[in-house]
Amino acid sequence: GGGGALDDSEYKVMMKACVKAAKAGDLQGMQDALDLLQKMDEVGIKPDVETYNEVLSACGTAAGGRFRPCTVNDTETFQSFSEKAEEVLRFAGGRLNSKQFALKWKLRFPLDPLREYARTTHLGRRSISDLLRQSPRFEVTPGKHKTINEFSIS
């Protein structure tokens, strides 16, 4: 192309290449895949569920089969996230779906946006569900609606 924006199918092809590299244990491939996801997000292309899962499983492979918390900074951020999340949930009676959770968090910690936590980890953007799953304090169960999870204190 003449330096224009890439279209959907071109992104998919690139993504497949990155994922393949990441699955072979190439950390750069994993980084590229994550960068590409973010790029797609910026230009407004929604990766399909399949693409997303591919990337996640590839990242898992590249990271040695498991997502691991990274530096101290990450761990501290995660601690503070867990404590706040627990507070939000307790305040709401111990259970919320992801949409309600985001709303209640906003009301409770207006100066501490959730999205800051969702992207502080070394693996790029993470969903709030992913973060909650990392802690034994919380349970994340799929809700009736695909995009909505139920969060509860375990």
N, C-alpha and C. Protein backbone atom coordinates (compact mmCIF):
# COMPACT_ATOMS: atom_id res chain seq x y z
N GLY A 1 0.82 -1.22 0.00
CA GLY A 1 0.00 0.00 0.00
C GLY A 1 0.84 1.25 0.00
N GLY A 2 0.23 2.40 -0.21
CA GLY A 2 0.96 3.66 -0.25
C GLY A 2 1.06 4.29 1.12
N GLY A 3 1.52 3.54 2.11
CA GLY A 3 1.72 4.07 3.46
C GLY A 3 0.41 4.36 4.18
N GLY A 4 -0.70 3.90 3.64
CA GLY A 4 -1.98 4.12 4.30
C GLY A 4 -2.16 3.16 5.45
N ALA A 5 -3.32 3.21 6.09
CA ALA A 5 -3.59 2.31 7.20
C ALA A 5 -3.73 0.89 6.67
N LEU A 6 -3.33 -0.06 7.49
CA LEU A 6 -3.49 -1.46 7.11
C LEU A 6 -4.95 -1.85 7.27
N ASP A 7 -5.38 -2.80 6.48
CA ASP A 7 -6.75 -3.25 6.69
C ASP A 7 -6.75 -4.51 7.55
N ASP A 8 -7.95 -4.90 7.87
CA ASP A 8 -8.20 -5.99 8.78
C ASP A 8 -7.39 -7.25 8.47
N SER A 9 -7.42 -7.66 7.19
CA SER A 9 -6.79 -8.92 6.84
C SER A 9 -5.27 -8.84 6.94
N GLU A 10 -4.72 -7.65 6.65
CA GLU A 10 -3.27 -7.50 6.76
C GLU A 10 -2.82 -7.63 8.21
N TYR A 11 -3.63 -7.07 9.11
CA TYR A 11 -3.32 -7.20 10.54
C TYR A 11 -3.35 -8.66 10.95
N LYS A 12 -4.34 -9.37 10.45
CA LYS A 12 -4.47 -10.79 10.81
C LYS A 12 -3.25 -11.58 10.37
N VAL A 13 -2.77 -11.27 9.15
CA VAL A 13 -1.60 -11.97 8.63
C VAL A 13 -0.38 -11.68 9.51
N MET A 14 -0.20 -10.39 9.85
CA MET A 14 0.92 -10.01 10.69
C MET A 14 0.82 -10.68 12.06
N MET A 15 -0.40 -10.70 12.58
CA MET A 15 -0.63 -11.26 13.89
C MET A 15 -0.27 -12.75 13.90
N LYS A 16 -0.65 -13.44 12.83
CA LYS A 16 -0.34 -14.87 12.74
C LYS A 16 1.17 -15.10 12.81
N ALA A 17 1.92 -14.23 12.12
CA ALA A 17 3.37 -14.34 12.12
C ALA A 17 3.94 -14.13 13.53
N CYS A 18 3.43 -13.10 14.20
CA CYS A 18 3.90 -12.80 15.56
C CYS A 18 3.58 -13.95 16.51
N VAL A 19 2.36 -14.45 16.38
CA VAL A 19 1.91 -15.52 17.25
C VAL A 19 2.77 -16.77 17.04
N LYS A 20 3.09 -17.02 15.77
CA LYS A 20 3.91 -18.18 15.45
C LYS A 20 5.27 -18.06 16.12
N ALA A 21 5.84 -16.87 16.03
CA ALA A 21 7.14 -16.63 16.65
C ALA A 21 7.06 -16.80 18.16
N ALA A 22 6.01 -16.22 18.74
CA ALA A 22 5.84 -16.30 20.20
C ALA A 22 5.68 -17.74 20.65
N LYS A 23 4.93 -18.52 19.87
CA LYS A 23 4.71 -19.93 20.23
C LYS A 23 6.00 -20.71 20.18
N ALA A 24 6.92 -20.25 19.34
CA ALA A 24 8.22 -20.91 19.26
C ALA A 24 9.12 -20.48 20.41
N GLY A 25 8.55 -19.68 21.32
CA GLY A 25 9.30 -19.27 22.50
C GLY A 25 10.07 -17.98 22.31
N ASP A 26 9.73 -17.25 21.25
CA ASP A 26 10.42 -16.00 20.95
C ASP A 26 9.74 -14.84 21.68
N LEU A 27 10.45 -14.28 22.67
CA LEU A 27 9.86 -13.20 23.47
C LEU A 27 9.59 -11.96 22.64
N GLN A 28 10.42 -11.71 21.64
CA GLN A 28 10.19 -10.55 20.78
C GLN A 28 8.88 -10.73 20.02
N GLY A 29 8.61 -11.95 19.61
CA GLY A 29 7.36 -12.23 18.90
C GLY A 29 6.17 -11.92 19.79
N MET A 30 6.32 -12.26 21.06
CA MET A 30 5.25 -11.98 22.01
C MET A 30 5.04 -10.47 22.14
N GLN A 31 6.15 -9.74 22.26
CA GLN A 31 6.07 -8.29 22.38
C GLN A 31 5.42 -7.69 21.13
N ASP A 32 5.83 -8.19 19.97
CA ASP A 32 5.27 -7.70 18.71
C ASP A 32 3.77 -7.94 18.63
N ALA A 33 3.37 -9.12 19.08
CA ALA A 33 1.95 -9.46 19.04
C ALA A 33 1.16 -8.50 19.93
N LEU A 34 1.71 -8.20 21.11
CA LEU A 34 1.03 -7.29 22.02
C LEU A 34 1.00 -5.87 21.47
N ASP A 35 2.12 -5.45 20.88
CA ASP A 35 2.16 -4.12 20.27
C ASP A 35 1.12 -4.02 19.16
N LEU A 36 1.03 -5.10 18.40
CA LEU A 36 0.10 -5.12 17.27
C LEU A 36 -1.34 -5.04 17.76
N LEU A 37 -1.64 -5.76 18.85
CA LEU A 37 -2.98 -5.69 19.42
C LEU A 37 -3.32 -4.25 19.79
N GLN A 38 -2.34 -3.58 20.39
CA GLN A 38 -2.58 -2.21 20.82
C GLN A 38 -2.79 -1.30 19.62
N LYS A 39 -1.98 -1.53 18.59
CA LYS A 39 -2.07 -0.75 17.35
C LYS A 39 -3.47 -0.93 16.75
N MET A 40 -3.93 -2.18 16.70
CA MET A 40 -5.25 -2.46 16.15
C MET A 40 -6.31 -1.70 16.93
N ASP A 41 -6.12 -1.71 18.25
CA ASP A 41 -7.04 -1.02 19.14
C ASP A 41 -7.07 0.48 18.79
N GLU A 42 -5.88 1.05 18.58
CA GLU A 42 -5.79 2.48 18.28
C GLU A 42 -6.48 2.84 16.98
N VAL A 43 -6.33 1.98 15.95
CA VAL A 43 -6.95 2.32 14.67
C VAL A 43 -8.40 1.85 14.58
N GLY A 44 -8.85 1.22 15.67
CA GLY A 44 -10.26 0.85 15.74
C GLY A 44 -10.61 -0.48 15.13
N ILE A 45 -9.61 -1.34 14.94
CA ILE A 45 -9.91 -2.69 14.46
C ILE A 45 -10.05 -3.60 15.67
N LYS A 46 -11.18 -4.25 15.78
CA LYS A 46 -11.41 -5.14 16.91
C LYS A 46 -10.89 -6.53 16.55
N PRO A 47 -9.90 -7.01 17.31
CA PRO A 47 -9.47 -8.38 17.04
C PRO A 47 -10.59 -9.34 17.43
N ASP A 48 -10.78 -10.39 16.64
CA ASP A 48 -11.82 -11.34 17.03
C ASP A 48 -11.32 -12.19 18.20
N VAL A 49 -12.24 -12.88 18.82
CA VAL A 49 -11.94 -13.66 20.02
C VAL A 49 -10.81 -14.65 19.74
N GLU A 50 -10.86 -15.23 18.55
CA GLU A 50 -9.87 -16.22 18.17
C GLU A 50 -8.47 -15.62 18.20
N THR A 51 -8.34 -14.45 17.57
CA THR A 51 -7.05 -13.76 17.53
C THR A 51 -6.56 -13.48 18.95
N TYR A 52 -7.46 -13.01 19.77
CA TYR A 52 -7.14 -12.66 21.14
C TYR A 52 -6.62 -13.86 21.90
N ASN A 53 -7.34 -14.97 21.78
CA ASN A 53 -6.95 -16.17 22.49
C ASN A 53 -5.62 -16.72 22.00
N GLU A 54 -5.42 -16.62 20.68
CA GLU A 54 -4.15 -17.02 20.09
C GLU A 54 -3.01 -16.26 20.75
N VAL A 55 -3.18 -14.95 20.83
CA VAL A 55 -2.14 -14.10 21.39
C VAL A 55 -1.89 -14.47 22.85
N LEU A 56 -2.97 -14.64 23.60
CA LEU A 56 -2.82 -14.97 25.01
C LEU A 56 -2.10 -16.29 25.21
N SER A 57 -2.48 -17.29 24.41
CA SER A 57 -1.84 -18.58 24.62
C SER A 57 -0.39 -18.53 24.15
N ALA A 58 -0.13 -17.75 23.10
CA ALA A 58 1.24 -17.59 22.63
C ALA A 58 2.10 -16.90 23.68
N CYS A 59 1.52 -15.90 24.33
CA CYS A 59 2.25 -15.18 25.38
C CYS A 59 2.56 -16.12 26.51
N GLY A 60 1.60 -16.96 26.84
CA GLY A 60 1.80 -17.94 27.89
C GLY A 60 2.98 -18.85 27.57
N THR A 61 3.03 -19.29 26.32
CA THR A 61 4.11 -20.18 25.89
C THR A 61 5.44 -19.45 25.95
N ALA A 62 5.47 -18.23 25.41
CA ALA A 62 6.72 -17.47 25.37
C ALA A 62 7.22 -17.14 26.77
N ALA A 63 6.27 -16.95 27.68
CA ALA A 63 6.66 -16.58 29.05
C ALA A 63 6.97 -17.82 29.89
N GLY A 64 7.08 -18.95 29.23
CA GLY A 64 7.44 -20.16 29.96
C GLY A 64 6.21 -20.89 30.46
N GLY A 65 5.10 -20.72 29.74
CA GLY A 65 3.91 -21.49 30.05
C GLY A 65 3.04 -20.87 31.12
N ARG A 66 3.50 -19.75 31.69
CA ARG A 66 2.71 -19.14 32.76
C ARG A 66 2.91 -17.63 32.73
N PHE A 67 1.87 -16.91 33.07
CA PHE A 67 2.08 -15.48 33.28
C PHE A 67 2.71 -15.32 34.65
N ARG A 68 3.80 -14.61 34.70
CA ARG A 68 4.42 -14.38 36.01
C ARG A 68 4.44 -12.90 36.31
N PRO A 69 4.19 -12.53 37.55
CA PRO A 69 4.34 -11.12 37.88
C PRO A 69 5.80 -10.74 37.70
N CYS A 70 6.04 -9.53 37.29
CA CYS A 70 7.40 -9.13 36.93
C CYS A 70 8.12 -8.51 38.11
N THR A 71 8.45 -7.24 37.98
CA THR A 71 9.31 -6.58 38.95
C THR A 71 8.55 -6.23 40.23
N VAL A 72 9.29 -5.75 41.21
CA VAL A 72 8.72 -5.31 42.48
C VAL A 72 7.61 -4.30 42.23
N ASN A 73 7.90 -3.38 41.33
CA ASN A 73 6.93 -2.34 41.01
C ASN A 73 5.58 -2.95 40.64
N ASP A 74 5.61 -3.95 39.78
CA ASP A 74 4.38 -4.64 39.39
C ASP A 74 3.68 -5.23 40.60
N THR A 75 4.47 -5.87 41.45
CA THR A 75 3.88 -6.55 42.60
C THR A 75 3.22 -5.55 43.53
N GLU A 76 3.89 -4.42 43.73
CA GLU A 76 3.31 -3.40 44.60
C GLU A 76 2.02 -2.85 44.03
N THR A 77 2.07 -2.57 42.74
CA THR A 77 0.87 -2.08 42.07
C THR A 77 -0.25 -3.09 42.22
N PHE A 78 0.12 -4.35 42.05
CA PHE A 78 -0.87 -5.41 42.13
C PHE A 78 -1.45 -5.51 43.54
N GLN A 79 -0.58 -5.37 44.56
CA GLN A 79 -1.06 -5.39 45.95
C GLN A 79 -2.12 -4.31 46.15
N SER A 80 -1.77 -3.11 45.69
CA SER A 80 -2.67 -1.99 45.92
C SER A 80 -3.97 -2.20 45.14
N PHE A 81 -3.85 -2.77 43.95
CA PHE A 81 -5.05 -3.07 43.17
C PHE A 81 -5.93 -4.08 43.92
N SER A 82 -5.31 -5.13 44.44
CA SER A 82 -6.07 -6.18 45.14
C SER A 82 -6.81 -5.61 46.34
N GLU A 83 -6.11 -4.77 47.10
CA GLU A 83 -6.73 -4.22 48.29
C GLU A 83 -7.93 -3.35 47.93
N LYS A 84 -7.76 -2.52 46.91
CA LYS A 84 -8.85 -1.65 46.50
C LYS A 84 -10.01 -2.45 45.92
N ALA A 85 -9.67 -3.45 45.13
CA ALA A 85 -10.70 -4.29 44.52
C ALA A 85 -11.52 -4.97 45.61
N GLU A 86 -10.82 -5.44 46.62
CA GLU A 86 -11.50 -6.12 47.72
C GLU A 86 -12.44 -5.15 48.44
N GLU A 87 -11.96 -3.93 48.61
CA GLU A 87 -12.77 -2.91 49.27
C GLU A 87 -14.05 -2.64 48.46
N VAL A 88 -13.87 -2.47 47.16
CA VAL A 88 -15.02 -2.21 46.28
C VAL A 88 -16.02 -3.35 46.38
N LEU A 89 -15.53 -4.58 46.33
CA LEU A 89 -16.42 -5.74 46.38
C LEU A 89 -17.11 -5.89 47.75
N ARG A 90 -16.33 -5.73 48.80
CA ARG A 90 -16.94 -5.84 50.13
C ARG A 90 -18.04 -4.82 50.32
N PHE A 91 -17.74 -3.62 49.88
CA PHE A 91 -18.68 -2.52 50.00
C PHE A 91 -19.98 -2.83 49.27
N ALA A 92 -19.85 -3.62 48.21
CA ALA A 92 -21.03 -3.94 47.38
C ALA A 92 -21.63 -5.28 47.78
N GLY A 93 -21.20 -5.82 48.90
CA GLY A 93 -21.79 -7.08 49.36
C GLY A 93 -21.05 -8.30 48.85
N GLY A 94 -19.84 -8.11 48.32
CA GLY A 94 -19.02 -9.26 47.98
C GLY A 94 -19.13 -9.76 46.56
N ARG A 95 -20.02 -9.16 45.77
CA ARG A 95 -20.17 -9.68 44.41
C ARG A 95 -20.62 -8.59 43.44
N LEU A 96 -19.96 -8.53 42.28
CA LEU A 96 -20.33 -7.55 41.25
C LEU A 96 -19.99 -8.13 39.88
N ASN A 97 -20.71 -7.69 38.86
CA ASN A 97 -20.21 -8.07 37.54
C ASN A 97 -19.21 -7.00 37.09
N SER A 98 -18.50 -7.29 36.01
CA SER A 98 -17.39 -6.42 35.62
C SER A 98 -17.82 -4.99 35.32
N LYS A 99 -19.02 -4.84 34.75
CA LYS A 99 -19.51 -3.49 34.45
C LYS A 99 -19.78 -2.70 35.74
N GLN A 100 -20.47 -3.36 36.67
CA GLN A 100 -20.77 -2.71 37.96
C GLN A 100 -19.48 -2.40 38.70
N PHE A 101 -18.55 -3.33 38.62
CA PHE A 101 -17.28 -3.17 39.32
C PHE A 101 -16.57 -1.91 38.85
N ALA A 102 -16.53 -1.72 37.54
CA ALA A 102 -15.86 -0.55 36.98
C ALA A 102 -16.52 0.74 37.46
N LEU A 103 -17.84 0.70 37.52
CA LEU A 103 -18.60 1.86 37.94
C LEU A 103 -18.35 2.18 39.41
N LYS A 104 -18.44 1.16 40.25
CA LYS A 104 -18.26 1.35 41.69
C LYS A 104 -16.83 1.80 42.00
N TRP A 105 -15.89 1.25 41.24
CA TRP A 105 -14.50 1.64 41.44
C TRP A 105 -14.35 3.14 41.17
N LYS A 106 -14.98 3.58 40.08
CA LYS A 106 -14.89 4.99 39.70
C LYS A 106 -15.43 5.90 40.81
N LEU A 107 -16.53 5.48 41.40
CA LEU A 107 -17.14 6.28 42.46
C LEU A 107 -16.27 6.28 43.72
N ARG A 108 -15.64 5.15 43.96
CA ARG A 108 -14.88 5.01 45.21
C ARG A 108 -13.47 5.59 45.09
N PHE A 109 -12.85 5.41 43.95
CA PHE A 109 -11.48 5.91 43.75
C PHE A 109 -11.39 6.78 42.50
N PRO A 110 -12.04 7.93 42.55
CA PRO A 110 -12.12 8.75 41.33
C PRO A 110 -10.75 9.18 40.80
N LEU A 111 -9.74 9.24 41.68
CA LEU A 111 -8.44 9.71 41.22
C LEU A 111 -7.49 8.58 40.84
N ASP A 112 -8.02 7.38 40.88
CA ASP A 112 -7.18 6.22 40.64
C ASP A 112 -7.83 5.32 39.59
N PRO A 113 -7.75 5.72 38.32
CA PRO A 113 -8.52 5.00 37.30
C PRO A 113 -8.09 3.54 37.15
N LEU A 114 -9.08 2.70 36.97
CA LEU A 114 -8.86 1.26 36.80
C LEU A 114 -7.91 0.97 35.66
N ARG A 115 -8.04 1.74 34.58
CA ARG A 115 -7.25 1.39 33.39
C ARG A 115 -5.75 1.52 33.64
N GLU A 116 -5.37 2.32 34.65
CA GLU A 116 -3.95 2.40 34.98
C GLU A 116 -3.45 1.04 35.45
N TYR A 117 -4.28 0.34 36.19
CA TYR A 117 -3.87 -0.98 36.66
C TYR A 117 -3.89 -1.98 35.53
N ALA A 118 -4.85 -1.81 34.65
CA ALA A 118 -5.00 -2.79 33.59
C ALA A 118 -3.81 -2.76 32.63
N ARG A 119 -3.01 -1.68 32.70
CA ARG A 119 -1.91 -1.70 31.75
C ARG A 119 -0.54 -1.54 32.38
N THR A 120 -0.44 -1.75 33.70
CA THR A 120 0.86 -1.55 34.33
C THR A 120 1.76 -2.77 34.21
N THR A 121 1.23 -3.92 33.87
CA THR A 121 2.07 -5.11 33.90
C THR A 121 3.01 -5.17 32.72
N HIS A 122 4.04 -5.97 32.85
CA HIS A 122 5.08 -6.07 31.82
C HIS A 122 4.55 -6.74 30.57
N LEU A 123 3.40 -7.35 30.65
CA LEU A 123 2.87 -8.01 29.46
C LEU A 123 1.89 -7.12 28.71
N GLY A 124 1.98 -5.83 28.96
CA GLY A 124 1.09 -4.95 28.24
C GLY A 124 -0.28 -4.91 28.89
N ARG A 125 -1.28 -4.58 28.10
CA ARG A 125 -2.63 -4.41 28.62
C ARG A 125 -3.20 -5.72 29.15
N ARG A 126 -3.78 -5.65 30.30
CA ARG A 126 -4.43 -6.82 30.88
C ARG A 126 -5.86 -6.43 31.21
N SER A 127 -6.75 -7.37 31.15
CA SER A 127 -8.10 -7.03 31.58
C SER A 127 -8.15 -7.10 33.11
N ILE A 128 -9.16 -6.44 33.67
CA ILE A 128 -9.33 -6.47 35.11
C ILE A 128 -9.57 -7.91 35.58
N SER A 129 -10.28 -8.67 34.77
CA SER A 129 -10.51 -10.08 35.11
C SER A 129 -9.19 -10.82 35.27
N ASP A 130 -8.25 -10.57 34.36
CA ASP A 130 -6.95 -11.23 34.44
C ASP A 130 -6.25 -10.89 35.75
N LEU A 131 -6.34 -9.61 36.10
CA LEU A 131 -5.68 -9.17 37.34
C LEU A 131 -6.31 -9.83 38.55
N LEU A 132 -7.64 -9.87 38.58
CA LEU A 132 -8.32 -10.47 39.72
C LEU A 132 -8.02 -11.96 39.82
N ARG A 133 -7.90 -12.59 38.65
CA ARG A 133 -7.62 -14.03 38.65
C ARG A 133 -6.27 -14.35 39.26
N GLN A 134 -5.35 -13.37 39.24
CA GLN A 134 -4.01 -13.63 39.78
C GLN A 134 -4.01 -13.71 41.29
N SER A 135 -5.08 -13.24 41.90
CA SER A 135 -5.10 -13.22 43.36
C SER A 135 -6.04 -14.28 43.90
N PRO A 136 -5.59 -15.01 44.90
CA PRO A 136 -6.46 -16.04 45.49
C PRO A 136 -7.66 -15.43 46.23
N ARG A 137 -7.62 -14.10 46.42
CA ARG A 137 -8.72 -13.45 47.13
C ARG A 137 -10.02 -13.42 46.34
N PHE A 138 -9.89 -13.47 45.01
CA PHE A 138 -11.08 -13.23 44.18
C PHE A 138 -11.44 -14.43 43.33
N GLU A 139 -12.70 -14.49 43.01
CA GLU A 139 -13.13 -15.48 42.04
C GLU A 139 -13.73 -14.75 40.86
N VAL A 140 -13.36 -15.19 39.66
CA VAL A 140 -13.91 -14.61 38.45
C VAL A 140 -14.67 -15.71 37.72
N THR A 141 -15.96 -15.51 37.53
CA THR A 141 -16.73 -16.50 36.79
C THR A 141 -17.38 -15.83 35.60
N PRO A 142 -17.47 -16.54 34.47
CA PRO A 142 -18.09 -15.95 33.29
C PRO A 142 -19.56 -15.65 33.56
N GLY A 143 -20.00 -14.48 33.17
CA GLY A 143 -21.41 -14.13 33.35
C GLY A 143 -22.24 -14.68 32.22
N LYS A 144 -23.52 -14.32 32.21
CA LYS A 144 -24.41 -14.79 31.14
C LYS A 144 -24.00 -14.19 29.80
N HIS A 145 -23.49 -12.97 29.87
CA HIS A 145 -23.09 -12.27 28.67
C HIS A 145 -21.60 -12.49 28.44
N LYS A 146 -21.21 -12.75 27.20
CA LYS A 146 -19.81 -13.07 26.90
C LYS A 146 -18.82 -12.06 27.47
N THR A 147 -19.12 -10.78 27.31
CA THR A 147 -18.13 -9.78 27.67
C THR A 147 -18.16 -9.41 29.16
N ILE A 148 -19.09 -9.97 29.88
CA ILE A 148 -19.22 -9.58 31.28
C ILE A 148 -18.87 -10.76 32.19
N ASN A 149 -17.95 -10.53 33.10
CA ASN A 149 -17.61 -11.54 34.09
C ASN A 149 -18.21 -11.17 35.43
N GLU A 150 -18.39 -12.18 36.27
CA GLU A 150 -18.83 -11.93 37.64
C GLU A 150 -17.61 -11.99 38.54
N PHE A 151 -17.44 -10.98 39.39
CA PHE A 151 -16.34 -10.97 40.33
C PHE A 151 -16.89 -11.20 41.73
N SER A 152 -16.22 -12.02 42.51
CA SER A 152 -16.64 -12.14 43.90
C SER A 152 -15.42 -12.37 44.78
N ILE A 153 -15.60 -12.15 46.06
CA ILE A 153 -14.51 -12.39 46.99
C ILE A 153 -14.56 -13.84 47.39
N SER A 154 -13.43 -14.53 47.25
CA SER A 154 -13.48 -15.96 47.56
C SER A 154 -13.31 -16.19 49.06
